[in-house]
Amino acid sequence: MRTKTVSAVSHLIKSRLLFLNHLWYTAFNGGDGMGDFDKAGYWFDGAEYDLQTAHAMLETRRFLYVGFMCHQTIEKALKGVLVSKNPDEELPYIHKLRRLANLSGISEEMSEGQLSLLDVLSPLNIEARYPLQKSRLLESLTVERCEKMIRETEALYLWLKKKC
């Protein structure tokens, strides 16, 4: 597991460094900072990393963060779809998964189960960071529920990735 985690971290760091290097180079050479940079790839790399983190949180039984990382996985994947369809548009600073799916136009292709997963994951973004009712949320996040959440998140992530 440790080797897999180190490899994932290494891959993500490389992708972020390439992005920053590209921004720096184009800023000093009259470019817009993005040019040929693979914006969708950047978001999907982050989503993959977050999915692996969700698995690690499940192994350590940090269930609150399983939900948060599943949310982050799908948010980043949806942003990857959005930038692949509209590469010149500014990404909105939103975290609501249904809204991102609608903006990208992908929601029309999604099944009821996929849309339902968006509704399950959306509140976990806020609840993990600002848990007003932490004990009740933690009671609802069992091993079985988190395993199911990760399976469904991974399936949706792979489906979204194929759409780009």
C-alpha atoms as a PDB file:
ATOM      1  CA  MET A   1       0.000   0.000   0.000  1.00  0.00           C
ATOM      2  CA  ARG A   2       2.826   2.398   0.888  1.00  0.00           C
ATOM      3  CA  THR A   3       4.494   1.976  -2.527  1.00  0.00           C
ATOM      4  CA  LYS A   4       1.168   2.606  -4.262  1.00  0.00           C
ATOM      5  CA  THR A   5       0.593   5.766  -2.189  1.00  0.00           C
ATOM      6  CA  VAL A   6       4.127   7.060  -2.819  1.00  0.00           C
ATOM      7  CA  SER A   7       3.658   6.429  -6.546  1.00  0.00           C
ATOM      8  CA  ALA A   8       0.341   8.306  -6.576  1.00  0.00           C
ATOM      9  CA  VAL A   9       1.835  11.238  -4.681  1.00  0.00           C
ATOM     10  CA  SER A  10       4.820  11.316  -7.026  1.00  0.00           C
ATOM     11  CA  HIS A  11       2.544  11.338 -10.085  1.00  0.00           C
ATOM     12  CA  LEU A  12       0.393  14.145  -8.699  1.00  0.00           C
ATOM     13  CA  ILE A  13       3.411  16.248  -7.738  1.00  0.00           C
ATOM     14  CA  LYS A  14       4.869  15.832 -11.231  1.00  0.00           C
ATOM     15  CA  SER A  15       1.603  16.913 -12.834  1.00  0.00           C
ATOM     16  CA  ARG A  16       1.329  19.976 -10.557  1.00  0.00           C
ATOM     17  CA  LEU A  17       4.978  20.920 -11.207  1.00  0.00           C
ATOM     18  CA  LEU A  18       4.437  20.649 -14.960  1.00  0.00           C
ATOM     19  CA  PHE A  19       1.393  22.892 -14.621  1.00  0.00           C
ATOM     20  CA  LEU A  20       3.271  25.524 -12.578  1.00  0.00           C
ATOM     21  CA  ASN A  21       6.259  25.366 -14.915  1.00  0.00           C
ATOM     22  CA  HIS A  22       3.975  25.898 -17.891  1.00  0.00           C
ATOM     23  CA  LEU A  23       2.287  28.867 -16.231  1.00  0.00           C
ATOM     24  CA  TRP A  24       5.640  30.439 -15.401  1.00  0.00           C
ATOM     25  CA  TYR A  25       7.058  29.880 -18.894  1.00  0.00           C
ATOM     26  CA  THR A  26       4.074  31.254 -20.755  1.00  0.00           C
ATOM     27  CA  ALA A  27       3.686  34.223 -18.399  1.00  0.00           C
ATOM     28  CA  PHE A  28       7.186  35.369 -19.319  1.00  0.00           C
ATOM     29  CA  ASN A  29       6.778  34.596 -23.007  1.00  0.00           C
ATOM     30  CA  GLY A  30       3.512  36.407 -23.727  1.00  0.00           C
ATOM     31  CA  GLY A  31       1.212  33.376 -23.405  1.00  0.00           C
ATOM     32  CA  ASP A  32      -2.035  33.042 -21.510  1.00  0.00           C
ATOM     33  CA  GLY A  33      -0.558  30.603 -19.031  1.00  0.00           C
ATOM     34  CA  MET A  34      -2.520  27.577 -20.162  1.00  0.00           C
ATOM     35  CA  GLY A  35      -1.796  27.108 -23.867  1.00  0.00           C
ATOM     36  CA  ASP A  36      -1.578  23.413 -24.692  1.00  0.00           C
ATOM     37  CA  PHE A  37      -1.673  22.345 -21.055  1.00  0.00           C
ATOM     38  CA  ASP A  38      -3.968  19.362 -20.537  1.00  0.00           C
ATOM     39  CA  LYS A  39      -6.516  20.973 -18.220  1.00  0.00           C
ATOM     40  CA  ALA A  40      -8.786  17.931 -18.141  1.00  0.00           C
ATOM     41  CA  GLY A  41      -5.816  15.681 -17.380  1.00  0.00           C
ATOM     42  CA  TYR A  42      -4.861  17.933 -14.499  1.00  0.00           C
ATOM     43  CA  TRP A  43      -8.337  17.587 -12.940  1.00  0.00           C
ATOM     44  CA  PHE A  44      -8.523  13.836 -13.541  1.00  0.00           C
ATOM     45  CA  ASP A  45      -5.066  13.334 -11.986  1.00  0.00           C
ATOM     46  CA  GLY A  46      -6.313  15.135  -8.878  1.00  0.00           C
ATOM     47  CA  ALA A  47      -9.480  13.037  -8.876  1.00  0.00           C
ATOM     48  CA  GLU A  48      -7.461   9.818  -9.081  1.00  0.00           C
ATOM     49  CA  TYR A  49      -5.298  10.924  -6.174  1.00  0.00           C
ATOM     50  CA  ASP A  50      -8.385  11.750  -4.097  1.00  0.00           C
ATOM     51  CA  LEU A  51      -9.932   8.365  -4.887  1.00  0.00           C
ATOM     52  CA  GLN A  52      -6.776   6.644  -3.649  1.00  0.00           C
ATOM     53  CA  THR A  53      -6.934   8.829  -0.538  1.00  0.00           C
ATOM     54  CA  ALA A  54     -10.541   7.706   0.049  1.00  0.00           C
ATOM     55  CA  HIS A  55      -9.314   4.095   0.020  1.00  0.00           C
ATOM     56  CA  ALA A  56      -6.558   4.990   2.507  1.00  0.00           C
ATOM     57  CA  MET A  57      -9.070   6.724   4.775  1.00  0.00           C
ATOM     58  CA  LEU A  58     -11.260   3.613   4.692  1.00  0.00           C
ATOM     59  CA  GLU A  59      -8.297   1.436   5.699  1.00  0.00           C
ATOM     60  CA  THR A  60      -7.595   3.718   8.663  1.00  0.00           C
ATOM     61  CA  ARG A  61     -11.332   3.914   9.479  1.00  0.00           C
ATOM     62  CA  ARG A  62     -11.522   7.684   9.105  1.00  0.00           C
ATOM     63  CA  PHE A  63     -15.003   7.488   7.671  1.00  0.00           C
ATOM     64  CA  LEU A  64     -15.754  11.210   7.701  1.00  0.00           C
ATOM     65  CA  TYR A  65     -12.914  11.726   5.256  1.00  0.00           C
ATOM     66  CA  VAL A  66     -13.933   8.809   3.050  1.00  0.00           C
ATOM     67  CA  GLY A  67     -17.061  10.772   2.152  1.00  0.00           C
ATOM     68  CA  PHE A  68     -15.126  14.015   1.754  1.00  0.00           C
ATOM     69  CA  MET A  69     -12.555  12.425  -0.569  1.00  0.00           C
ATOM     70  CA  CYS A  70     -15.284  10.719  -2.609  1.00  0.00           C
ATOM     71  CA  HIS A  71     -16.880  14.137  -3.041  1.00  0.00           C
ATOM     72  CA  GLN A  72     -13.534  15.630  -4.084  1.00  0.00           C
ATOM     73  CA  THR A  73     -12.993  12.804  -6.593  1.00  0.00           C
ATOM     74  CA  ILE A  74     -16.271  13.466  -8.361  1.00  0.00           C
ATOM     75  CA  GLU A  75     -15.978  17.257  -8.123  1.00  0.00           C
ATOM     76  CA  LYS A  76     -12.584  17.164  -9.841  1.00  0.00           C
ATOM     77  CA  ALA A  77     -13.759  14.650 -12.441  1.00  0.00           C
ATOM     78  CA  LEU A  78     -16.748  16.865 -13.265  1.00  0.00           C
ATOM     79  CA  LYS A  79     -14.414  19.853 -13.576  1.00  0.00           C
ATOM     80  CA  GLY A  80     -12.296  17.731 -15.932  1.00  0.00           C
ATOM     81  CA  VAL A  81     -15.370  17.081 -18.081  1.00  0.00           C
ATOM     82  CA  LEU A  82     -16.293  20.766 -17.964  1.00  0.00           C
ATOM     83  CA  VAL A  83     -12.866  21.978 -19.128  1.00  0.00           C
ATOM     84  CA  SER A  84     -12.701  19.321 -21.828  1.00  0.00           C
ATOM     85  CA  LYS A  85     -15.982  20.596 -23.265  1.00  0.00           C
ATOM     86  CA  ASN A  86     -15.252  24.314 -22.679  1.00  0.00           C
ATOM     87  CA  PRO A  87     -11.450  24.709 -22.573  1.00  0.00           C
ATOM     88  CA  ASP A  88     -11.467  28.492 -22.845  1.00  0.00           C
ATOM     89  CA  GLU A  89     -14.035  29.176 -20.132  1.00  0.00           C
ATOM     90  CA  GLU A  90     -13.165  30.001 -16.536  1.00  0.00           C
ATOM     91  CA  LEU A  91     -14.122  27.252 -14.093  1.00  0.00           C
ATOM     92  CA  PRO A  92     -16.756  28.325 -11.586  1.00  0.00           C
ATOM     93  CA  TYR A  93     -15.825  28.287  -7.895  1.00  0.00           C
ATOM     94  CA  ILE A  94     -18.578  25.902  -6.884  1.00  0.00           C
ATOM     95  CA  HIS A  95     -18.638  22.554  -5.126  1.00  0.00           C
ATOM     96  CA  LYS A  96     -22.218  21.448  -5.744  1.00  0.00           C
ATOM     97  CA  LEU A  97     -21.940  18.305  -7.808  1.00  0.00           C
ATOM     98  CA  ARG A  98     -25.345  18.509  -9.514  1.00  0.00           C
ATOM     99  CA  ARG A  99     -24.583  22.085 -10.563  1.00  0.00           C
ATOM    100  CA  LEU A 100     -21.222  21.043 -12.047  1.00  0.00           C
ATOM    101  CA  ALA A 101     -22.874  18.135 -13.860  1.00  0.00           C
ATOM    102  CA  ASN A 102     -25.495  20.488 -15.296  1.00  0.00           C
ATOM    103  CA  LEU A 103     -22.915  23.086 -16.357  1.00  0.00           C
ATOM    104  CA  SER A 104     -20.866  20.453 -18.163  1.00  0.00           C
ATOM    105  CA  GLY A 105     -23.958  19.060 -19.885  1.00  0.00           C
ATOM    106  CA  ILE A 106     -23.122  15.562 -18.655  1.00  0.00           C
ATOM    107  CA  SER A 107     -26.128  15.290 -16.323  1.00  0.00           C
ATOM    108  CA  GLU A 108     -28.373  14.554 -19.290  1.00  0.00           C
ATOM    109  CA  GLU A 109     -26.376  11.371 -19.931  1.00  0.00           C
ATOM    110  CA  MET A 110     -26.229  10.253 -16.304  1.00  0.00           C
ATOM    111  CA  SER A 111     -28.371   7.480 -14.858  1.00  0.00           C
ATOM    112  CA  GLU A 112     -30.656   8.008 -11.877  1.00  0.00           C
ATOM    113  CA  GLY A 113     -28.158   6.076  -9.751  1.00  0.00           C
ATOM    114  CA  GLN A 114     -25.320   8.374 -10.774  1.00  0.00           C
ATOM    115  CA  LEU A 115     -27.388  11.471 -10.098  1.00  0.00           C
ATOM    116  CA  SER A 116     -28.402  10.027  -6.742  1.00  0.00           C
ATOM    117  CA  LEU A 117     -24.734   9.545  -5.854  1.00  0.00           C
ATOM    118  CA  LEU A 118     -24.143  13.256  -6.541  1.00  0.00           C
ATOM    119  CA  ASP A 119     -26.882  14.047  -4.032  1.00  0.00           C
ATOM    120  CA  VAL A 120     -25.356  11.701  -1.433  1.00  0.00           C
ATOM    121  CA  LEU A 121     -21.841  13.110  -1.832  1.00  0.00           C
ATOM    122  CA  SER A 122     -22.624  16.833  -2.035  1.00  0.00           C
ATOM    123  CA  PRO A 123     -23.344  17.467   1.638  1.00  0.00           C
ATOM    124  CA  LEU A 124     -20.259  15.467   2.668  1.00  0.00           C
ATOM    125  CA  ASN A 125     -18.051  18.225   1.281  1.00  0.00           C
ATOM    126  CA  ILE A 126     -19.280  20.679   3.906  1.00  0.00           C
ATOM    127  CA  GLU A 127     -20.015  18.209   6.686  1.00  0.00           C
ATOM    128  CA  ALA A 128     -16.458  16.840   6.653  1.00  0.00           C
ATOM    129  CA  ARG A 129     -14.993  20.306   7.028  1.00  0.00           C
ATOM    130  CA  TYR A 130     -17.578  21.876   9.305  1.00  0.00           C
ATOM    131  CA  PRO A 131     -19.318  19.003  11.054  1.00  0.00           C
ATOM    132  CA  LEU A 132     -22.154  20.589  12.969  1.00  0.00           C
ATOM    133  CA  GLN A 133     -23.562  17.217  13.879  1.00  0.00           C
ATOM    134  CA  LYS A 134     -20.379  15.167  13.698  1.00  0.00           C
ATOM    135  CA  SER A 135     -21.513  12.323  15.955  1.00  0.00           C
ATOM    136  CA  ARG A 136     -24.691  11.701  13.953  1.00  0.00           C
ATOM    137  CA  LEU A 137     -22.765  11.824  10.667  1.00  0.00           C
ATOM    138  CA  LEU A 138     -20.102   9.446  11.973  1.00  0.00           C
ATOM    139  CA  GLU A 139     -22.785   7.000  13.128  1.00  0.00           C
ATOM    140  CA  SER A 140     -24.216   6.928   9.602  1.00  0.00           C
ATOM    141  CA  LEU A 141     -20.833   6.278   7.975  1.00  0.00           C
ATOM    142  CA  THR A 142     -20.292   2.577   8.545  1.00  0.00           C
ATOM    143  CA  VAL A 143     -17.631   0.404   6.907  1.00  0.00           C
ATOM    144  CA  GLU A 144     -20.270  -1.046   4.577  1.00  0.00           C
ATOM    145  CA  ARG A 145     -21.643   2.358   3.608  1.00  0.00           C
ATOM    146  CA  CYS A 146     -18.151   3.734   2.963  1.00  0.00           C
ATOM    147  CA  GLU A 147     -17.165   0.682   0.889  1.00  0.00           C
ATOM    148  CA  LYS A 148     -20.300   1.136  -1.208  1.00  0.00           C
ATOM    149  CA  MET A 149     -19.625   4.872  -1.538  1.00  0.00           C
ATOM    150  CA  ILE A 150     -16.095   4.219  -2.789  1.00  0.00           C
ATOM    151  CA  ARG A 151     -17.294   1.570  -5.287  1.00  0.00           C
ATOM    152  CA  GLU A 152     -19.944   3.908  -6.683  1.00  0.00           C
ATOM    153  CA  THR A 153     -17.535   6.848  -6.734  1.00  0.00           C
ATOM    154  CA  GLU A 154     -14.932   4.819  -8.603  1.00  0.00           C
ATOM    155  CA  ALA A 155     -17.494   3.638 -11.155  1.00  0.00           C
ATOM    156  CA  LEU A 156     -18.724   7.195 -11.749  1.00  0.00           C
ATOM    157  CA  TYR A 157     -15.158   8.527 -11.925  1.00  0.00           C
ATOM    158  CA  LEU A 158     -14.254   5.968 -14.617  1.00  0.00           C
ATOM    159  CA  TRP A 159     -17.466   6.709 -16.521  1.00  0.00           C
ATOM    160  CA  LEU A 160     -16.758  10.455 -16.457  1.00  0.00           C
ATOM    161  CA  LYS A 161     -13.173   9.919 -17.548  1.00  0.00           C
ATOM    162  CA  LYS A 162     -14.379   7.965 -20.601  1.00  0.00           C
ATOM    163  CA  LYS A 163     -16.537  10.942 -21.578  1.00  0.00           C
ATOM    164  CA  CYS A 164     -13.466  13.127 -22.214  1.00  0.00           C
END
